[in-house]
Protein backbone atom coordinates (compact mmCIF):
# COMPACT_ATOMS: atom_id res chain seq x y z
CA MET A 1 39.12 -45.97 191.17
CA ASN A 2 36.33 -43.84 192.75
CA ILE A 3 33.66 -46.44 191.82
CA THR A 4 35.86 -49.26 193.40
CA ARG A 5 36.08 -47.30 196.75
CA LEU A 6 32.55 -46.67 196.62
CA THR A 7 31.61 -50.24 196.11
CA TYR A 8 34.13 -51.08 198.75
CA PHE A 9 32.05 -48.95 201.09
CA VAL A 10 28.71 -50.11 200.23
CA LEU A 11 29.92 -53.94 200.71
CA LEU A 12 31.19 -52.83 204.33
CA PHE A 13 27.97 -51.10 205.02
CA LEU A 14 25.81 -53.96 204.20
CA ILE A 15 27.90 -56.55 205.88
CA PHE A 16 27.82 -54.47 209.09
CA SER A 17 24.08 -53.56 208.88
CA CYS A 18 22.86 -57.04 208.01
CA SER A 19 25.23 -58.70 210.83
CA ARG A 20 23.64 -56.31 213.36
CA LYS A 21 20.80 -57.92 215.68
CA GLN A 22 17.76 -56.59 215.27
CA ASP A 23 15.80 -55.23 218.31
CA PHE A 24 12.65 -56.90 219.42
CA LYS A 25 9.59 -55.41 217.48
CA PRO A 26 6.14 -55.50 219.42
CA THR A 27 3.04 -56.84 217.02
CA VAL A 28 0.09 -55.73 219.05
CA LYS A 29 -1.26 -52.51 220.79
CA LEU A 30 -2.63 -52.57 224.10
CA ASP A 31 -6.11 -51.35 222.73
CA THR A 32 -6.31 -54.33 220.57
CA ILE A 33 -5.51 -56.87 223.21
CA LEU A 34 -7.94 -55.32 225.36
CA LYS A 35 -11.07 -55.69 223.12
CA LYS A 36 -12.29 -58.34 225.44
CA GLU A 37 -14.47 -56.48 227.76
CA LYS A 38 -13.82 -58.69 230.62
CA LEU A 39 -9.99 -58.58 230.02
CA LYS A 40 -10.10 -54.89 229.67
CA ASN A 41 -12.21 -54.43 233.14
CA ASP A 42 -9.67 -56.92 234.87
CA TYR A 43 -6.45 -55.53 233.42
CA ASN A 44 -7.79 -51.65 234.45
CA GLU A 45 -8.42 -53.06 237.99
CA PHE A 46 -5.03 -54.68 237.94
CA ARG A 47 -3.04 -51.51 236.65
CA LEU A 48 -4.85 -49.33 239.43
CA ASP A 49 -3.19 -51.41 242.12
CA ASN A 50 0.08 -51.61 240.33
CA VAL A 51 1.52 -48.65 238.58
CA TYR A 52 4.98 -50.02 238.85
CA LEU A 53 6.82 -52.96 237.93
CA TYR A 54 8.39 -53.97 241.15
CA LEU A 55 10.09 -56.73 243.34
CA GLY A 56 7.82 -59.08 244.92
CA ILE A 57 4.90 -58.19 243.08
CA GLU A 58 3.72 -61.75 242.76
CA LYS A 59 2.67 -61.55 246.50
CA ARG A 60 0.33 -58.86 245.69
CA GLN A 61 -3.57 -59.98 245.93
CA SER A 62 -4.43 -57.93 242.62
CA PHE A 63 -1.45 -59.80 240.70
CA ILE A 64 -2.53 -63.18 241.82
CA LYS A 65 -6.15 -62.19 241.12
CA PHE A 66 -5.52 -61.11 237.49
CA ARG A 67 -2.93 -63.83 236.85
CA GLU A 68 -5.94 -66.32 237.84
CA GLN A 69 -8.45 -64.39 235.42
CA THR A 70 -6.26 -64.03 232.63
CA SER A 71 -5.71 -67.05 230.15
CA ILE A 72 -2.35 -68.17 229.02
CA SER A 73 -3.14 -67.14 225.34
CA ASP A 74 -4.18 -63.58 226.29
CA LEU A 75 -0.81 -63.44 228.38
CA ILE A 76 1.24 -64.86 225.48
CA LEU A 77 -0.33 -62.07 223.24
CA MET A 78 0.41 -59.56 226.00
CA THR A 79 4.12 -60.22 225.79
CA GLU A 80 3.87 -58.54 222.25
CA CYS A 81 2.32 -55.51 223.44
CA GLU A 82 3.92 -52.28 222.53
CA LYS A 83 4.34 -51.27 226.14
CA PRO A 84 7.27 -53.02 227.74
CA ILE A 85 5.76 -53.13 231.42
CA VAL A 86 2.86 -54.93 229.98
CA ARG A 87 5.37 -57.48 228.45
CA CYS A 88 6.90 -57.93 231.76
CA PHE A 89 3.77 -58.17 233.37
CA ALA A 90 2.66 -60.87 231.33
CA PHE A 91 5.80 -62.84 231.05
CA LYS A 92 6.03 -62.72 234.99
CA MET A 93 2.55 -64.15 235.35
CA LEU A 94 3.37 -66.90 232.69
CA VAL A 95 6.43 -67.36 234.90
CA GLU A 96 4.06 -67.77 238.02
CA LYS A 97 1.97 -70.14 236.18
CA ASP A 98 4.81 -72.35 235.12
CA TYR A 99 4.10 -72.04 231.74
CA TYR A 100 5.83 -74.74 229.77
CA LYS A 101 7.32 -72.73 226.78
CA ILE A 102 8.19 -69.85 228.93
CA ARG A 103 12.06 -70.44 227.77
CA GLU A 104 11.10 -70.22 224.54
CA LEU A 105 9.39 -67.14 224.93
CA LEU A 106 12.30 -65.77 226.96
CA PHE A 107 14.65 -66.27 223.67
CA LYS A 108 12.07 -64.59 221.58
CA HIS A 109 12.63 -61.61 223.75
CA ARG A 110 16.46 -61.94 223.59
CA SER A 111 16.67 -58.34 221.65
CA ASP A 112 14.20 -56.77 223.43
CA ASN A 113 16.34 -53.84 224.39
CA GLU A 114 13.65 -51.30 225.43
CA TYR A 115 13.76 -49.78 229.11
CA LEU A 116 11.27 -49.55 231.71
CA GLU A 117 11.28 -48.55 235.20
CA VAL A 118 11.47 -51.39 238.12
CA TYR A 119 10.81 -50.55 241.40
CA HIS A 120 12.64 -51.98 244.08
CA PRO A 121 11.11 -51.15 247.74
CA PRO A 122 11.35 -49.17 249.75
CA CYS A 123 12.75 -46.47 247.63
CA VAL A 124 14.86 -47.48 244.62
CA ARG A 125 13.76 -47.33 240.99
CA MET A 126 15.90 -48.35 238.26
CA ASN A 127 16.11 -48.48 234.69
CA GLU A 128 16.27 -52.40 233.14
CA LYS A 129 16.03 -53.71 229.82
CA VAL A 130 12.96 -55.77 229.23
CA LYS A 131 15.28 -58.70 228.30
CA VAL A 132 17.04 -58.49 231.29
CA TYR A 133 13.93 -58.24 233.61
CA MET A 134 12.44 -61.38 231.99
CA LEU A 135 15.56 -63.30 232.33
CA GLN A 136 15.82 -62.63 235.97
CA GLN A 137 12.63 -64.14 236.19
CA LEU A 138 14.13 -67.37 235.67
CA GLY A 139 17.42 -67.03 237.22
CA PRO A 140 18.60 -69.99 239.70
CA PHE A 141 17.30 -68.12 242.87
CA SER A 142 13.94 -67.90 241.00
CA ASP A 143 10.75 -70.16 242.50
CA SER A 144 10.00 -71.01 238.81
CA LYS A 145 10.03 -74.61 237.83
CA MET A 146 11.37 -73.45 234.86
CA LYS A 147 14.26 -71.63 236.17
CA PHE A 148 17.96 -71.93 234.84
CA ASN A 149 20.84 -73.55 236.93
CA ARG A 150 23.67 -71.29 237.51
CA ALA A 151 25.84 -72.31 234.45
CA GLU A 152 22.90 -72.04 231.89
CA TYR A 153 21.71 -68.47 233.44
CA ASP A 154 25.39 -67.17 232.97
CA GLN A 155 25.82 -68.60 229.57
CA ILE A 156 22.55 -67.13 228.35
CA TRP A 157 23.37 -63.78 230.26
CA ALA A 158 26.71 -63.74 227.96
CA ASP A 159 24.62 -64.69 224.98
CA PHE A 160 22.07 -61.76 225.58
CA PHE A 161 24.63 -59.42 225.58
CA LYS A 162 27.12 -60.43 222.86
């Protein structure tokens, strides 16, 4: 009888643990990404001016300059970085570059549940999940060519939080 109960509990444990969604796992360290000297220098200059991720960052000259100097392949690699703020900076830049596979990249991050601090000027800082920040970049009121319409956005939002 005890073996049957044990088997039952082991089966339940396996079913529940296998059905859980796995969180996004970053695959690259920042220092590995920044092995190219030019990219490292450009990134450091950009980060000196942008300590936080904040609303309206796409209008800052340092953001525009870094976005223009950085290749799409480097930005895609940066979305795999272990630091959530780097993933979001890179994603935002890819949105601004109208990267044609940006939606695929978003769905890859559907389980990116790491939190980061987002600054909303003049004085509010909020903790947001990476996936929420990324989804908002493609929201219906975004200027992106790849944005979702309201119905798509609502459906994706619901799917991200199942």
